[in-house]
């Protein structure tokens, strides 16, 4: 009886392994195509060039109840950083991470920045009345960030991947600032889970998921919706400017509106996005 039980258990394990292997493995042709894509992006020439650009990643990710953690948003930020280093000439020493609610350091960085070009990738919980929620539960007004951005004497692209992100566009008026927003002022931001999610999303982000897994050895299954669209857009960026990538992401986002569960999601908007 014990032997029979063990054999049955072993058979179940073997069957599960075979099933999982069949689901996750890629053909030689698919692996070759991923390697070719990686090589093409590395060799360039790319019209997206961050050689003289600094990247600032800011995020509130680890919360206590009732706020949910933002692991998917962290995955999006770190993957964007990897792509910039690998394919778009961003130097590693030009990247700064301010995770963990370091609001005062963010404001100081923006006020004291003396470079030419800055990309700020911002992820956090934001409330419908315009407050950024820090990891300790403290809330700070979005107007504080807007005021600093309006005073910037350098070019800055803000990727604002939050709920109610459109509130920022009502406050930032400087021509030095380009905004790429993860939601409108009355919308939530969403995440996508690339395994066990809606078939439409699995199909749409098939290449992104496998590129991350087989090229970067990163088997993360979830990203913010904006992050997934942006990363996928960068994989298709050969010959395109950053502006064209963002315009493509905005178009692609319209397709997501029809996915059940994201019916309230509207167009990802770009404001004052220069070449």
Protein backbone atom coordinates (compact mmCIF):
# COMPACT_ATOMS: atom_id res chain seq x y z
CA UNK A 1 0.00 0.00 0.00
CA UNK A 2 2.80 2.37 0.90
CA UNK A 3 4.68 1.51 -2.31
CA UNK A 4 1.54 2.05 -4.39
CA UNK A 5 0.93 5.41 -2.73
CA UNK A 6 4.54 6.49 -3.36
CA UNK A 7 4.32 5.44 -6.99
CA UNK A 8 1.11 7.40 -7.45
CA UNK A 9 2.67 10.44 -5.82
CA UNK A 10 5.78 10.15 -8.02
CA UNK A 11 3.59 9.87 -11.11
CA UNK A 12 1.70 13.03 -10.15
CA UNK A 13 4.95 14.95 -9.65
CA UNK A 14 6.29 13.74 -13.00
CA UNK A 15 3.05 14.69 -14.75
CA UNK A 16 3.11 18.16 -13.17
CA UNK A 17 6.71 18.70 -14.26
CA UNK A 18 5.93 17.67 -17.80
CA UNK A 19 2.89 19.92 -17.87
CA UNK A 20 4.79 22.94 -16.53
CA UNK A 21 7.66 22.29 -18.91
CA UNK A 22 5.31 22.26 -21.86
CA UNK A 23 3.73 25.54 -20.79
CA UNK A 24 6.91 27.50 -20.18
CA UNK A 25 9.44 26.15 -22.66
CA UNK A 26 10.14 27.89 -25.94
CA UNK A 27 11.10 26.45 -29.27
CA UNK A 28 14.62 26.88 -30.61
CA UNK A 29 13.26 29.36 -33.13
CA UNK A 30 11.59 31.47 -30.42
CA UNK A 31 14.76 31.47 -28.29
CA UNK A 32 16.79 32.47 -31.35
CA UNK A 33 14.40 35.35 -32.07
CA UNK A 34 14.76 36.61 -28.49
CA UNK A 35 18.56 36.52 -28.74
CA UNK A 36 18.44 38.34 -32.07
CA UNK A 37 16.19 41.02 -30.59
CA UNK A 38 18.57 41.44 -27.65
CA UNK A 39 21.54 41.74 -30.03
CA UNK A 40 19.80 44.22 -32.31
CA UNK A 41 18.91 46.47 -29.39
CA UNK A 42 22.44 46.30 -27.97
CA UNK A 43 24.20 47.01 -31.25
CA UNK A 44 22.01 49.93 -32.25
CA UNK A 45 22.10 52.51 -33.53
CA UNK A 46 19.08 53.52 -31.44
CA UNK A 47 17.34 56.86 -31.76
CA UNK A 48 16.69 56.69 -28.03
CA UNK A 49 19.87 57.86 -26.32
CA UNK A 50 20.24 58.47 -22.58
CA UNK A 51 23.99 59.07 -22.74
CA UNK A 52 23.69 62.56 -21.23
CA UNK A 53 20.72 61.75 -19.04
CA UNK A 54 20.24 60.92 -15.38
CA UNK A 55 17.58 58.49 -14.20
CA UNK A 56 15.87 58.94 -10.84
CA UNK A 57 13.66 56.12 -9.60
CA UNK A 58 11.32 57.15 -6.79
CA UNK A 59 8.91 54.74 -5.21
CA UNK A 60 6.74 54.02 -2.20
CA UNK A 61 6.33 50.25 -2.50
CA UNK A 62 5.99 48.57 0.90
CA UNK A 63 2.87 49.61 2.79
CA UNK A 64 0.95 48.59 5.87
CA UNK A 65 -2.79 47.94 5.73
CA UNK A 66 -5.05 49.28 4.27
CA UNK A 67 -2.68 50.17 1.41
CA UNK A 68 -1.51 47.39 -0.88
CA UNK A 69 2.16 46.86 -1.69
CA UNK A 70 3.29 47.92 -5.16
CA UNK A 71 5.58 45.05 -6.14
CA UNK A 72 4.40 45.20 -9.75
CA UNK A 73 5.38 48.84 -9.95
CA UNK A 74 8.83 48.04 -8.53
CA UNK A 75 9.27 45.36 -11.21
CA UNK A 76 8.38 47.92 -13.85
CA UNK A 77 10.86 50.50 -12.58
CA UNK A 78 13.77 48.09 -12.23
CA UNK A 79 13.13 46.56 -15.66
CA UNK A 80 13.01 50.03 -17.22
CA UNK A 81 16.35 50.77 -15.55
CA UNK A 82 17.84 47.56 -16.98
CA UNK A 83 16.67 48.39 -20.49
CA UNK A 84 18.12 51.90 -20.27
CA UNK A 85 21.51 50.52 -19.18
CA UNK A 86 21.60 47.69 -21.69
CA UNK A 87 20.22 49.37 -24.80
CA UNK A 88 20.00 53.14 -24.51
CA UNK A 89 23.44 54.25 -23.27
CA UNK A 90 22.45 55.19 -19.72
CA UNK A 91 25.47 54.96 -17.44
CA UNK A 92 24.93 53.03 -14.21
CA UNK A 93 26.50 55.82 -12.20
CA UNK A 94 23.80 58.15 -13.55
CA UNK A 95 21.02 56.20 -11.85
CA UNK A 96 19.67 57.04 -8.39
CA UNK A 97 17.09 54.99 -6.50
CA UNK A 98 15.00 56.60 -3.80
CA UNK A 99 12.76 53.84 -2.50
CA UNK A 100 11.09 53.61 0.89
CA UNK A 101 9.28 56.91 1.25
CA UNK A 102 12.32 59.17 0.94
CA UNK A 103 10.25 62.20 0.04
CA UNK A 104 12.58 64.88 1.42
CA UNK A 105 15.50 63.37 -0.50
CA UNK A 106 13.41 63.47 -3.69
CA UNK A 107 12.62 67.16 -3.26
CA UNK A 108 16.26 67.95 -2.45
CA UNK A 109 17.48 66.02 -5.49
CA UNK A 110 15.16 67.90 -7.83
CA UNK A 111 16.03 71.28 -6.35
CA UNK A 112 19.79 70.69 -6.45
CA UNK A 113 20.04 68.84 -9.79
CA UNK A 114 22.59 70.49 -12.10
CA UNK A 115 22.54 68.15 -15.08
CA UNK A 116 20.93 68.71 -18.48
CA UNK A 117 18.38 65.94 -18.80
CA UNK A 118 16.54 63.98 -16.12
CA UNK A 119 14.08 61.11 -16.26
CA UNK A 120 12.01 60.77 -13.09
CA UNK A 121 10.10 57.49 -12.82
CA UNK A 122 7.63 57.97 -9.97
CA UNK A 123 5.48 55.22 -8.43
CA UNK A 124 3.36 55.50 -5.31
CA UNK A 125 -0.17 55.44 -3.99
CA UNK A 126 -1.83 58.79 -4.72
CA UNK A 127 -5.24 59.78 -3.42
CA UNK A 128 -8.10 61.23 -5.46
CA UNK A 129 -7.70 64.58 -3.68
CA UNK A 130 -4.05 64.90 -4.70
CA UNK A 131 -1.91 63.50 -1.91
CA UNK A 132 1.07 61.16 -2.21
CA UNK A 133 0.90 58.39 0.40
CA UNK A 134 4.30 57.56 1.87
CA UNK A 135 5.13 54.09 3.17
CA UNK A 136 4.62 55.12 6.77
CA UNK A 137 1.11 56.33 5.98
CA UNK A 138 1.99 60.02 6.00
CA UNK A 139 0.46 62.05 3.19
CA UNK A 140 2.14 64.91 1.35
CA UNK A 141 0.53 67.21 -1.16
CA UNK A 142 1.23 66.66 -4.83
CA UNK A 143 1.50 70.43 -5.10
CA UNK A 144 4.90 70.27 -3.38
CA UNK A 145 6.26 68.13 -6.22
CA UNK A 146 4.57 70.28 -8.86
CA UNK A 147 6.10 73.46 -7.45
CA UNK A 148 9.62 72.01 -7.65
CA UNK A 149 9.07 70.74 -11.20
CA UNK A 150 7.75 74.13 -12.32
CA UNK A 151 10.99 75.73 -11.11
CA UNK A 152 13.27 73.23 -12.88
CA UNK A 153 15.91 74.84 -15.10
CA UNK A 154 16.65 71.52 -16.80
CA UNK A 155 14.71 69.20 -19.09
CA UNK A 156 12.85 66.53 -17.15
CA UNK A 157 10.64 63.69 -18.32
CA UNK A 158 8.31 62.48 -15.56
CA UNK A 159 6.90 58.97 -15.90
CA UNK A 160 4.14 59.25 -13.32
CA UNK A 161 2.83 55.74 -12.73
CA UNK A 162 0.16 56.24 -10.08
CA UNK A 163 -3.57 56.41 -9.60
CA UNK A 164 -5.12 59.80 -10.44
CA UNK A 165 -1.90 60.76 -12.23
CA UNK A 166 -3.71 63.33 -14.36
CA UNK A 167 -3.88 65.59 -11.31
CA UNK A 168 -0.20 66.33 -11.85
CA UNK A 169 -0.79 67.67 -15.38
CA UNK A 170 -3.18 70.27 -13.98
CA UNK A 171 -0.43 71.64 -11.76
CA UNK A 172 2.76 71.39 -13.86
CA UNK A 173 2.96 74.13 -16.49
CA UNK A 174 6.71 74.45 -17.15
CA UNK A 175 7.85 73.90 -20.74
CA UNK A 176 10.91 72.13 -19.34
CA UNK A 177 8.74 69.29 -18.04
CA UNK A 178 7.26 66.47 -20.13
CA UNK A 179 4.72 64.23 -18.45
CA UNK A 180 3.81 60.64 -19.22
CA UNK A 181 0.91 59.60 -17.06
CA UNK A 182 -0.31 56.20 -15.96
CA UNK A 183 -3.92 57.32 -15.51
CA UNK A 184 -6.28 60.25 -15.91
CA UNK A 185 -7.15 62.48 -12.98
CA UNK A 186 -10.22 60.41 -12.10
CA UNK A 187 -8.81 56.94 -12.80
CA UNK A 188 -7.04 54.17 -10.95
CA UNK A 189 -3.77 52.68 -12.17
CA UNK A 190 -3.72 48.96 -12.90
CA UNK A 191 -1.34 46.05 -12.89
CA UNK A 192 -1.09 43.09 -15.26
CA UNK A 193 -0.23 39.56 -14.21
CA UNK A 194 1.37 37.69 -17.06
CA UNK A 195 0.43 34.26 -15.78
CA UNK A 196 -3.13 33.30 -14.99
CA UNK A 197 -4.45 36.66 -16.14
CA UNK A 198 -6.86 37.46 -18.91
CA UNK A 199 -5.98 35.66 -22.17
CA UNK A 200 -5.92 39.00 -24.00
CA UNK A 201 -3.14 40.29 -21.75
CA UNK A 202 -1.20 37.01 -21.86
CA UNK A 203 -1.21 37.21 -25.64
CA UNK A 204 -0.39 40.91 -25.75
CA UNK A 205 2.62 40.62 -23.46
CA UNK A 206 3.82 37.17 -24.55
CA UNK A 207 7.10 38.51 -25.94
CA UNK A 208 7.77 40.74 -22.93
CA UNK A 209 7.31 37.90 -20.47
CA UNK A 210 9.62 35.53 -22.32
CA UNK A 211 12.18 38.24 -23.07
CA UNK A 212 12.39 39.03 -19.37
CA UNK A 213 12.69 35.35 -18.46
CA UNK A 214 15.13 34.08 -21.06
CA UNK A 215 17.27 37.19 -21.69
CA UNK A 216 17.25 38.80 -18.23
CA UNK A 217 16.52 35.66 -16.19
CA UNK A 218 13.75 37.62 -14.51
CA UNK A 219 10.60 35.55 -14.15
CA UNK A 220 8.47 38.31 -12.66
CA UNK A 221 4.85 37.72 -13.52
CA UNK A 222 3.40 41.15 -12.77
CA UNK A 223 3.99 44.75 -13.82
CA UNK A 224 2.07 47.95 -13.66
CA UNK A 225 -0.01 48.34 -16.80
CA UNK A 226 1.92 51.43 -17.84
CA UNK A 227 5.20 49.66 -17.09
CA UNK A 228 4.30 46.60 -19.18
CA UNK A 229 3.19 48.73 -22.11
CA UNK A 230 6.32 50.87 -21.89
CA UNK A 231 8.70 47.90 -21.68
CA UNK A 232 6.97 46.21 -24.59
CA UNK A 233 7.18 49.46 -26.54
CA UNK A 234 10.91 49.72 -25.90
CA UNK A 235 11.38 46.18 -27.24
CA UNK A 236 9.76 47.40 -30.46
CA UNK A 237 11.62 50.71 -30.47
CA UNK A 238 14.14 50.03 -33.24
CA UNK A 239 14.30 53.19 -35.33
CA UNK A 240 11.83 55.09 -33.15
CA UNK A 241 12.30 58.13 -30.96
CA UNK A 242 11.19 58.09 -27.34
CA UNK A 243 8.27 60.30 -28.31
CA UNK A 244 7.17 57.74 -30.89
CA UNK A 245 7.45 54.96 -28.31
CA UNK A 246 5.20 56.87 -25.92
CA UNK A 247 2.70 57.63 -28.68
CA UNK A 248 2.64 53.93 -29.52
CA UNK A 249 2.11 53.04 -25.87
CA UNK A 250 -0.84 55.44 -25.76
CA UNK A 251 -2.37 53.73 -28.79
CA UNK A 252 -1.75 50.28 -27.38
CA UNK A 253 -3.39 51.25 -24.12
CA UNK A 254 -6.69 51.77 -25.91
CA UNK A 255 -6.81 48.05 -26.68
CA UNK A 256 -6.67 47.28 -22.98
CA UNK A 257 -9.93 49.15 -22.39
CA UNK A 258 -11.85 46.18 -23.75
CA UNK A 259 -10.33 43.70 -21.28
CA UNK A 260 -12.83 42.63 -18.63
CA UNK A 261 -11.87 44.00 -15.23
CA UNK A 262 -10.21 47.05 -16.70
CA UNK A 263 -13.35 48.64 -18.10
CA UNK A 264 -12.74 51.91 -16.26
CA UNK A 265 -9.25 52.20 -17.63
CA UNK A 266 -8.98 54.96 -20.20
CA UNK A 267 -6.16 56.17 -22.41
CA UNK A 268 -2.68 56.60 -20.98
CA UNK A 269 -1.99 60.25 -21.66
CA UNK A 270 1.13 62.12 -22.64
CA UNK A 271 1.38 65.84 -22.08
CA UNK A 272 3.88 68.23 -23.64
CA UNK A 273 6.11 65.36 -24.74
CA UNK A 274 8.99 66.80 -26.74
CA UNK A 275 11.45 64.98 -29.00
